[in-house]
Amino acid sequence: MNNAEIEERYLREDRQSMTEPARQWLDRWLADMDDRLDSWKVRYLPEGFRYDFSMESLDLLEEVILRRYQDESDFEADSGSEFLEGAVRYYGETLRKRLSCRWGYQDMGPDVSNPFNRVPQIRSNTRDEYMDVIVPLHVFDYLVAERQPGVLQKMSGVITRALHNAELDVDNLG
């Protein structure tokens, strides 16, 4: 089974437990991914940005984010912006293209205070007991607060570890 087939299988499984609003949101999010990224690239990325969805391009994305946000209050004030949506999309698509993972979304309702509620997330393509999640907005918030280079690539380790642990378990079954 290739990576696209694996991703599709896990997306189908996710959809079975998603609320209807979450399914609709994720369908819209995925349907216009390429158009939104193309628009974001033209509008917000500096000339010469290595727009190739490589892990190395995440270091350049960090520079763009850190230039834009001097501190957490700048970041919070820009919540919901077109720039941040595009950055989330680029980060997530880079991980999705480089690792075995997929987009996810939960809608537990407007009154539920949960860090995974109503935010796009990247989920490892693993069974539930190994699945781990990255919420790009939370990673960006951490990046802006800590201002340490390499955060975006380093956080991809969450997915890599989940995949590795699932693989080890399968290997040990044989």
Protein backbone atom coordinates (compact mmCIF):
# COMPACT_ATOMS: atom_id res chain seq x y z
CA MET A 1 0.00 0.00 0.00
CA ASN A 2 1.49 3.38 -0.97
CA ASN A 3 1.44 6.48 1.23
CA ALA A 4 -1.58 8.03 -0.57
CA GLU A 5 -3.60 4.85 -0.01
CA ILE A 6 -2.58 4.73 3.65
CA GLU A 7 -3.53 8.37 4.11
CA GLU A 8 -6.90 7.80 2.45
CA ARG A 9 -7.60 4.79 4.67
CA TYR A 10 -6.93 6.79 7.85
CA LEU A 11 -8.97 9.74 6.58
CA ARG A 12 -11.92 7.39 5.99
CA GLU A 13 -11.55 6.05 9.52
CA ASP A 14 -11.38 9.59 10.94
CA ARG A 15 -14.56 10.59 9.12
CA GLN A 16 -16.52 7.83 10.86
CA SER A 17 -16.02 9.45 14.26
CA MET A 18 -16.14 13.11 13.16
CA THR A 19 -19.13 15.34 13.69
CA GLU A 20 -20.85 16.57 10.55
CA PRO A 21 -19.54 20.14 11.03
CA ALA A 22 -16.00 18.77 11.35
CA ARG A 23 -16.37 16.66 8.19
CA GLN A 24 -17.68 19.66 6.25
CA TRP A 25 -14.91 21.91 7.52
CA LEU A 26 -12.18 19.40 6.66
CA ASP A 27 -13.65 18.77 3.20
CA ARG A 28 -13.58 22.52 2.43
CA TRP A 29 -10.06 22.86 3.88
CA LEU A 30 -8.70 20.09 1.70
CA ALA A 31 -10.66 21.01 -1.44
CA ASP A 32 -9.03 24.40 -1.92
CA MET A 33 -5.58 23.60 -0.51
CA ASP A 34 -3.59 24.22 -3.70
CA ASP A 35 -5.39 27.46 -4.63
CA ARG A 36 -5.02 28.87 -1.10
CA LEU A 37 -1.34 27.97 -0.96
CA ASP A 38 -0.67 29.52 -4.38
CA SER A 39 -2.38 32.74 -3.32
CA TRP A 40 -0.54 32.79 0.02
CA LYS A 41 2.81 32.21 -1.66
CA VAL A 42 2.36 35.18 -3.99
CA ARG A 43 1.02 37.46 -1.31
CA TYR A 44 3.21 36.70 1.71
CA LEU A 45 6.44 34.94 0.87
CA PRO A 46 9.57 36.86 0.01
CA GLU A 47 11.10 36.54 -3.42
CA GLY A 48 13.48 33.61 -3.54
CA PHE A 49 11.67 31.64 -0.84
CA ARG A 50 12.39 27.95 -1.40
CA TYR A 51 8.76 26.93 -1.96
CA ASP A 52 9.34 23.21 -2.43
CA PHE A 53 7.74 21.61 0.62
CA SER A 54 11.13 20.40 1.79
CA MET A 55 11.96 20.08 5.45
CA GLU A 56 14.68 22.69 4.88
CA SER A 57 12.07 25.18 3.65
CA LEU A 58 10.55 25.07 7.13
CA ASP A 59 13.62 26.93 8.40
CA LEU A 60 12.81 29.69 5.91
CA LEU A 61 9.19 29.68 7.02
CA GLU A 62 10.39 30.18 10.59
CA GLU A 63 12.32 33.27 9.49
CA VAL A 64 9.21 34.69 7.82
CA ILE A 65 7.11 34.03 10.93
CA LEU A 66 9.68 35.50 13.31
CA ARG A 67 10.05 38.64 11.19
CA ARG A 68 6.28 39.09 11.19
CA TYR A 69 5.71 38.49 14.92
CA GLN A 70 7.97 40.16 17.43
CA ASP A 71 6.19 38.59 20.40
CA GLU A 72 3.16 36.55 21.42
CA SER A 73 0.86 39.56 21.53
CA ASP A 74 1.59 40.25 17.83
CA PHE A 75 0.88 36.60 17.09
CA GLU A 76 -2.38 36.54 19.06
CA ALA A 77 -3.53 39.78 17.44
CA ASP A 78 -3.13 38.15 14.01
CA SER A 79 -5.17 35.06 14.95
CA GLY A 80 -7.32 33.89 12.05
CA SER A 81 -5.38 35.90 9.48
CA GLU A 82 -4.83 34.84 5.90
CA PHE A 83 -1.09 34.80 6.56
CA LEU A 84 -1.39 32.35 9.45
CA GLU A 85 -3.82 30.14 7.57
CA GLY A 86 -1.33 29.91 4.71
CA ALA A 87 1.55 29.19 7.06
CA VAL A 88 -0.48 26.42 8.71
CA ARG A 89 -1.27 24.98 5.29
CA TYR A 90 2.35 25.11 4.14
CA TYR A 91 3.69 23.55 7.34
CA GLY A 92 1.06 20.81 7.31
CA GLU A 93 1.46 20.05 3.62
CA THR A 94 5.22 19.86 4.02
CA LEU A 95 4.84 17.31 6.79
CA ARG A 96 2.19 15.43 4.83
CA LYS A 97 4.40 15.25 1.73
CA ARG A 98 7.50 14.18 3.68
CA LEU A 99 6.06 11.93 6.41
CA SER A 100 3.20 9.49 6.65
CA CYS A 101 0.55 11.79 8.11
CA ARG A 102 -2.75 13.46 7.30
CA TRP A 103 -4.89 16.48 8.07
CA GLY A 104 -7.37 16.23 10.90
CA TYR A 105 -9.97 18.43 12.52
CA GLN A 106 -12.31 18.19 15.52
CA ASP A 107 -15.40 20.24 16.19
CA MET A 108 -16.57 19.64 19.74
CA GLY A 109 -18.74 22.73 19.67
CA PRO A 110 -18.12 26.40 20.35
CA ASP A 111 -18.27 26.11 24.13
CA VAL A 112 -15.66 23.37 24.51
CA SER A 113 -12.30 24.64 25.70
CA ASN A 114 -9.83 22.12 24.33
CA PRO A 115 -6.54 22.87 22.55
CA PHE A 116 -7.51 20.47 19.73
CA ASN A 117 -11.00 21.90 19.18
CA ARG A 118 -11.59 23.73 15.91
CA VAL A 119 -7.97 23.94 14.76
CA PRO A 120 -6.36 22.16 11.81
CA GLN A 121 -4.00 19.45 12.92
CA ILE A 122 -1.63 16.93 11.46
CA ARG A 123 -2.08 13.31 12.59
CA SER A 124 0.35 10.45 12.16
CA ASN A 125 -0.88 7.65 9.90
CA THR A 126 -0.86 5.11 12.69
CA ARG A 127 -3.42 3.17 14.68
CA ASP A 128 -5.06 5.13 17.48
CA GLU A 129 -2.79 3.76 20.19
CA TYR A 130 0.25 5.24 18.39
CA MET A 131 -1.31 8.28 16.77
CA ASP A 132 0.16 11.61 17.67
CA VAL A 133 -0.90 15.08 16.61
CA ILE A 134 0.76 18.37 15.73
CA VAL A 135 -1.31 21.55 15.85
CA PRO A 136 0.59 23.96 13.60
CA LEU A 137 -0.84 27.06 15.30
CA HIS A 138 0.44 25.83 18.66
CA VAL A 139 3.87 25.16 17.16
CA PHE A 140 3.96 28.69 15.71
CA ASP A 141 2.93 30.16 19.06
CA TYR A 142 5.80 28.27 20.71
CA LEU A 143 8.20 29.41 17.99
CA VAL A 144 7.25 33.07 18.49
CA ALA A 145 7.52 32.78 22.28
CA GLU A 146 10.84 30.92 22.36
CA ARG A 147 12.43 32.34 19.18
CA GLN A 148 14.65 29.28 18.78
CA PRO A 149 15.60 28.19 15.27
CA GLY A 150 14.71 24.69 14.15
CA VAL A 151 11.39 24.38 16.01
CA LEU A 152 9.31 23.50 12.96
CA GLN A 153 11.58 20.67 11.87
CA LYS A 154 12.13 19.50 15.43
CA MET A 155 8.38 19.24 16.07
CA SER A 156 8.06 16.90 13.09
CA GLY A 157 9.70 14.39 15.41
CA VAL A 158 6.30 13.94 17.05
CA ILE A 159 5.06 12.28 13.85
CA THR A 160 8.32 10.43 13.20
CA ARG A 161 8.28 8.93 16.71
CA ALA A 162 4.64 7.82 16.38
CA LEU A 163 5.44 6.11 13.07
CA HIS A 164 8.55 4.51 14.52
CA ASN A 165 6.72 3.19 17.60
CA ALA A 166 3.93 1.74 15.47
CA GLU A 167 6.49 0.12 13.19
CA LEU A 168 8.38 -1.38 16.14
CA ASP A 169 5.15 -2.90 17.45
CA VAL A 170 4.40 -4.48 14.07
CA ASP A 171 7.96 -5.81 13.85
CA ASN A 172 7.67 -7.35 17.31
CA LEU A 173 4.44 -9.15 16.41
CA GLY A 174 6.24 -11.30 13.82
